[in-house]
Amino acid sequence: FFFFFFSPPPPPPPAPPPPPPPFFPPPPPPSPPPPPPPAAPHMVLRAFKNCVAAVLETDYVFPQMEKLKKMIENPEAFAVAAAPAASSAAPAAGKAKEEEKKEEEEEVDMGFSLFD
């Protein structure tokens, strides 16, 4: 009588075996559509920016980026090289301003207005 109340519970039934794999595997998910052709320049620019970021953040430099890395590390060296070109362009800019003044003087108000 007491043996019935104090006996251990029966063991749980064994777990069912896993289902067998299917004979044919499921098809892979569909691949995304290709990018449209107008996106090509943007993709190239993004790739270039990623390359520049990798060169600037690490010590690894590949040949195409050596000049860019030197330019960013020492901008004064490249500013000196650009200064003579800017000074030679100054007289040409002065001539362009004179031509603009002449064109402004030639404009005459004809009395027509967009909002009259």
Protein backbone atom coordinates (compact mmCIF):
# COMPACT_ATOMS: atom_id res chain seq x y z
CA PHE A 1 0.00 0.00 0.00
CA PHE A 2 2.69 2.58 0.90
CA PHE A 3 4.92 1.25 -1.83
CA PHE A 4 2.48 2.50 -4.45
CA PHE A 5 2.61 6.14 -3.18
CA PHE A 6 6.40 6.32 -2.85
CA SER A 7 7.47 4.59 -6.04
CA PRO A 8 9.46 6.66 -8.59
CA PRO A 9 7.59 7.96 -11.66
CA PRO A 10 7.88 5.93 -14.82
CA PRO A 11 10.55 7.08 -17.32
CA PRO A 12 9.37 9.38 -20.15
CA PRO A 13 8.76 7.79 -23.52
CA PRO A 14 11.66 8.05 -25.97
CA ALA A 15 11.65 11.00 -28.37
CA PRO A 16 10.45 10.23 -31.87
CA PRO A 17 13.22 10.06 -34.49
CA PRO A 18 13.72 13.17 -36.64
CA PRO A 19 12.01 13.10 -40.02
CA PRO A 20 14.19 11.93 -42.88
CA PRO A 21 15.61 14.64 -45.13
CA PRO A 22 13.71 15.28 -48.33
CA PHE A 23 14.86 13.47 -51.43
CA PHE A 24 15.33 16.73 -53.32
CA PRO A 25 16.75 19.74 -51.46
CA PRO A 26 14.64 22.89 -51.46
CA PRO A 27 15.41 25.37 -54.23
CA PRO A 28 17.72 28.27 -53.33
CA PRO A 29 16.14 31.67 -52.76
CA PRO A 30 15.91 33.87 -55.86
CA SER A 31 18.89 36.12 -56.51
CA PRO A 32 18.34 39.88 -56.35
CA PRO A 33 17.87 41.68 -59.66
CA PRO A 34 20.98 43.21 -61.24
CA PRO A 35 21.56 46.93 -60.64
CA PRO A 36 20.27 49.28 -63.34
CA PRO A 37 22.88 50.72 -65.73
CA PRO A 38 22.51 54.33 -64.51
CA ALA A 39 23.76 53.16 -61.09
CA ALA A 40 27.19 52.19 -62.48
CA PRO A 41 28.92 55.57 -61.89
CA HIS A 42 27.61 55.64 -58.34
CA MET A 43 28.86 52.11 -57.69
CA VAL A 44 32.32 52.99 -59.03
CA LEU A 45 32.46 56.13 -56.90
CA ARG A 46 31.40 54.20 -53.79
CA ALA A 47 34.09 51.60 -54.50
CA PHE A 48 36.69 54.37 -54.85
CA LYS A 49 35.58 55.93 -51.56
CA ASN A 50 35.86 52.54 -49.86
CA CYS A 51 39.39 52.10 -51.23
CA VAL A 52 40.40 55.57 -50.03
CA ALA A 53 38.95 54.88 -46.59
CA ALA A 54 40.84 51.58 -46.36
CA VAL A 55 44.12 53.26 -47.34
CA LEU A 56 43.66 56.12 -44.88
CA GLU A 57 42.65 53.90 -41.94
CA THR A 58 45.32 51.21 -42.38
CA ASP A 59 49.02 51.08 -43.17
CA TYR A 60 48.39 49.16 -46.38
CA VAL A 61 48.89 51.26 -49.53
CA PHE A 62 48.48 50.03 -53.07
CA PRO A 63 50.23 51.81 -55.96
CA GLN A 64 47.21 53.70 -57.27
CA MET A 65 46.65 55.38 -53.89
CA GLU A 66 50.24 56.39 -53.01
CA LYS A 67 49.90 59.92 -54.41
CA LEU A 68 46.53 60.44 -52.72
CA LYS A 69 47.86 59.31 -49.33
CA LYS A 70 50.90 61.61 -49.67
CA MET A 71 48.59 64.49 -50.63
CA ILE A 72 46.40 63.99 -47.56
CA GLU A 73 49.36 63.53 -45.18
CA ASN A 74 51.20 66.66 -46.42
CA PRO A 75 48.82 69.12 -48.16
CA GLU A 76 51.32 72.03 -47.97
CA ALA A 77 53.68 70.30 -50.43
CA PHE A 78 50.92 70.12 -53.03
CA ALA A 79 49.61 73.63 -52.26
CA VAL A 80 53.01 75.09 -53.22
CA ALA A 81 52.86 73.33 -56.56
CA ALA A 82 49.37 74.69 -57.21
CA ALA A 83 50.23 78.30 -56.23
CA PRO A 84 52.13 79.23 -59.45
CA ALA A 85 49.26 77.97 -61.55
CA ALA A 86 46.84 80.13 -59.58
CA SER A 87 48.99 83.26 -59.97
CA SER A 88 49.20 82.80 -63.75
CA ALA A 89 45.43 82.46 -63.88
CA ALA A 90 44.91 85.78 -62.08
CA PRO A 91 45.51 88.03 -65.16
CA ALA A 92 43.13 85.93 -67.19
CA ALA A 93 40.51 86.33 -64.46
CA GLY A 94 40.99 90.11 -64.57
CA LYS A 95 40.33 90.13 -68.32
CA ALA A 96 37.19 88.09 -67.82
CA LYS A 97 35.90 90.60 -65.26
CA GLU A 98 36.45 93.49 -67.68
CA GLU A 99 34.52 91.64 -70.37
CA GLU A 100 31.66 91.01 -67.92
CA LYS A 101 31.51 94.73 -67.09
CA LYS A 102 31.28 95.57 -70.78
CA GLU A 103 28.47 93.06 -71.25
CA GLU A 104 26.57 94.51 -68.28
CA GLU A 105 26.84 98.00 -69.73
CA GLU A 106 25.44 96.82 -73.05
CA GLU A 107 22.29 95.40 -71.48
CA VAL A 108 19.38 97.78 -71.90
CA ASP A 109 16.00 97.58 -70.16
CA MET A 110 13.38 97.13 -72.86
CA GLY A 111 10.45 97.75 -70.55
CA PHE A 112 9.33 94.13 -70.46
CA SER A 113 9.04 92.48 -67.10
CA LEU A 114 7.92 89.07 -66.08
CA PHE A 115 5.71 90.26 -63.22
CA ASP A 116 4.14 93.48 -64.61
